[in-house]
C-alpha atoms as a PDB file:
ATOM      1  CA  UNK A   1      82.207 191.124  62.577  1.00  0.00           C
ATOM      2  CA  UNK A   2      78.460 190.768  62.580  1.00  0.00           C
ATOM      3  CA  UNK A   3      77.426 187.116  63.011  1.00  0.00           C
ATOM      4  CA  UNK A   4      74.822 187.524  60.255  1.00  0.00           C
ATOM      5  CA  UNK A   5      77.499 188.361  57.682  1.00  0.00           C
ATOM      6  CA  UNK A   6      79.231 185.461  55.962  1.00  0.00           C
ATOM      7  CA  UNK A   7      82.848 184.962  56.894  1.00  0.00           C
ATOM      8  CA  UNK A   8      85.289 185.944  54.151  1.00  0.00           C
ATOM      9  CA  UNK A   9      88.462 183.979  53.519  1.00  0.00           C
ATOM     10  CA  UNK A  10      91.686 184.957  51.913  1.00  0.00           C
ATOM     11  CA  UNK A  11      91.600 183.683  48.341  1.00  0.00           C
ATOM     12  CA  UNK A  12      95.411 183.402  48.273  1.00  0.00           C
ATOM     13  CA  UNK A  13      95.809 181.533  51.578  1.00  0.00           C
ATOM     14  CA  UNK A  14      97.028 178.049  52.226  1.00  0.00           C
ATOM     15  CA  UNK A  15      94.667 175.830  54.216  1.00  0.00           C
ATOM     16  CA  UNK A  16      96.950 176.074  57.263  1.00  0.00           C
ATOM     17  CA  UNK A  17      96.457 179.855  57.278  1.00  0.00           C
ATOM     18  CA  UNK A  18      92.668 179.932  56.988  1.00  0.00           C
ATOM     19  CA  UNK A  19      91.422 181.347  60.268  1.00  0.00           C
ATOM     20  CA  UNK A  20      88.273 179.662  61.471  1.00  0.00           C
ATOM     21  CA  UNK A  21      88.806 176.625  59.229  1.00  0.00           C
ATOM     22  CA  UNK A  22      91.424 174.832  61.326  1.00  0.00           C
ATOM     23  CA  UNK A  23      89.141 171.950  62.273  1.00  0.00           C
ATOM     24  CA  UNK A  24      87.903 171.542  58.712  1.00  0.00           C
ATOM     25  CA  UNK A  25      91.437 171.088  57.351  1.00  0.00           C
ATOM     26  CA  UNK A  26      92.823 169.201  60.365  1.00  0.00           C
ATOM     27  CA  UNK A  27      92.699 165.816  58.602  1.00  0.00           C
ATOM     28  CA  UNK A  28      94.658 167.219  55.643  1.00  0.00           C
ATOM     29  CA  UNK A  29      97.376 168.525  57.951  1.00  0.00           C
ATOM     30  CA  UNK A  30      97.458 165.212  59.854  1.00  0.00           C
ATOM     31  CA  UNK A  31      97.743 163.287  56.596  1.00  0.00           C
ATOM     32  CA  UNK A  32     100.699 165.429  55.490  1.00  0.00           C
ATOM     33  CA  UNK A  33     102.372 165.018  58.887  1.00  0.00           C
ATOM     34  CA  UNK A  34     102.072 161.225  58.640  1.00  0.00           C
ATOM     35  CA  UNK A  35     103.482 160.752  55.143  1.00  0.00           C
ATOM     36  CA  UNK A  36     106.474 158.401  55.213  1.00  0.00           C
ATOM     37  CA  UNK A  37     109.652 160.500  55.583  1.00  0.00           C
ATOM     38  CA  UNK A  38     111.307 158.944  52.535  1.00  0.00           C
ATOM     39  CA  UNK A  39     108.377 160.109  50.385  1.00  0.00           C
ATOM     40  CA  UNK A  40     108.412 163.712  51.616  1.00  0.00           C
ATOM     41  CA  UNK A  41     110.563 166.617  50.543  1.00  0.00           C
ATOM     42  CA  UNK A  42     112.715 168.341  53.135  1.00  0.00           C
ATOM     43  CA  UNK A  43     111.024 171.072  55.168  1.00  0.00           C
ATOM     44  CA  UNK A  44     112.966 173.836  53.379  1.00  0.00           C
ATOM     45  CA  UNK A  45     111.871 172.573  49.953  1.00  0.00           C
ATOM     46  CA  UNK A  46     108.274 172.250  51.167  1.00  0.00           C
ATOM     47  CA  UNK A  47     108.218 175.841  52.401  1.00  0.00           C
ATOM     48  CA  UNK A  48     109.871 177.091  49.211  1.00  0.00           C
ATOM     49  CA  UNK A  49     107.274 175.307  47.077  1.00  0.00           C
ATOM     50  CA  UNK A  50     104.466 176.770  49.163  1.00  0.00           C
ATOM     51  CA  UNK A  51     105.974 180.254  48.847  1.00  0.00           C
ATOM     52  CA  UNK A  52     105.826 179.859  45.058  1.00  0.00           C
ATOM     53  CA  UNK A  53     102.199 178.738  45.321  1.00  0.00           C
ATOM     54  CA  UNK A  54     101.152 181.680  47.470  1.00  0.00           C
ATOM     55  CA  UNK A  55     102.464 184.023  44.781  1.00  0.00           C
ATOM     56  CA  UNK A  56     100.705 182.133  41.972  1.00  0.00           C
ATOM     57  CA  UNK A  57      97.624 183.638  40.351  1.00  0.00           C
ATOM     58  CA  UNK A  58      96.117 180.134  40.145  1.00  0.00           C
ATOM     59  CA  UNK A  59      95.963 179.547  43.926  1.00  0.00           C
ATOM     60  CA  UNK A  60      92.426 179.775  45.247  1.00  0.00           C
ATOM     61  CA  UNK A  61      91.637 178.963  48.875  1.00  0.00           C
ATOM     62  CA  UNK A  62      94.475 176.460  49.184  1.00  0.00           C
ATOM     63  CA  UNK A  63      93.760 174.740  45.880  1.00  0.00           C
ATOM     64  CA  UNK A  64      95.517 174.855  42.532  1.00  0.00           C
ATOM     65  CA  UNK A  65      93.072 175.916  39.829  1.00  0.00           C
ATOM     66  CA  UNK A  66      95.105 174.049  37.201  1.00  0.00           C
ATOM     67  CA  UNK A  67      94.852 170.557  38.689  1.00  0.00           C
ATOM     68  CA  UNK A  68      92.431 170.943  41.626  1.00  0.00           C
ATOM     69  CA  UNK A  69      94.825 169.646  44.284  1.00  0.00           C
ATOM     70  CA  UNK A  70      95.465 171.072  47.719  1.00  0.00           C
ATOM     71  CA  UNK A  71      98.880 172.615  47.125  1.00  0.00           C
ATOM     72  CA  UNK A  72     100.091 171.729  50.637  1.00  0.00           C
ATOM     73  CA  UNK A  73      99.657 168.029  49.906  1.00  0.00           C
ATOM     74  CA  UNK A  74     101.164 168.221  46.413  1.00  0.00           C
ATOM     75  CA  UNK A  75     104.141 170.232  47.721  1.00  0.00           C
ATOM     76  CA  UNK A  76     104.909 167.691  50.450  1.00  0.00           C
ATOM     77  CA  UNK A  77     105.597 164.768  48.115  1.00  0.00           C
ATOM     78  CA  UNK A  78     108.957 164.238  46.379  1.00  0.00           C
ATOM     79  CA  UNK A  79     107.325 162.655  43.330  1.00  0.00           C
ATOM     80  CA  UNK A  80     105.016 165.608  42.680  1.00  0.00           C
ATOM     81  CA  UNK A  81     105.680 168.642  40.535  1.00  0.00           C
ATOM     82  CA  UNK A  82     103.855 171.879  39.888  1.00  0.00           C
ATOM     83  CA  UNK A  83     101.545 171.395  36.889  1.00  0.00           C
ATOM     84  CA  UNK A  84     102.675 174.839  35.703  1.00  0.00           C
ATOM     85  CA  UNK A  85     106.407 174.085  36.133  1.00  0.00           C
ATOM     86  CA  UNK A  86     106.829 176.812  38.764  1.00  0.00           C
ATOM     87  CA  UNK A  87     108.714 174.657  41.288  1.00  0.00           C
ATOM     88  CA  UNK A  88     111.618 174.020  38.964  1.00  0.00           C
ATOM     89  CA  UNK A  89     113.609 176.765  40.664  1.00  0.00           C
ATOM     90  CA  UNK A  90     113.050 175.227  44.114  1.00  0.00           C
ATOM     91  CA  UNK A  91     115.943 173.521  45.896  1.00  0.00           C
END
């Protein structure tokens, strides 16, 4: 890629999958990793929620266009739900 051209990012990606943005989103990933275990969903539920998000037409560069959250953070917490009720089928 020519250095003069702006870098393009996948519009449907999670922050953890954005190549070249790892350092930018490092604090978000660290925050998620350090959430108290009793507040977090199990890893399988987390991944299932994120799979739903990556298929959603409202995901844009790791953020939900309905509520403006980073879906990775919302998906990690037991107390949270999808604002569009799409996680109801998750474990």
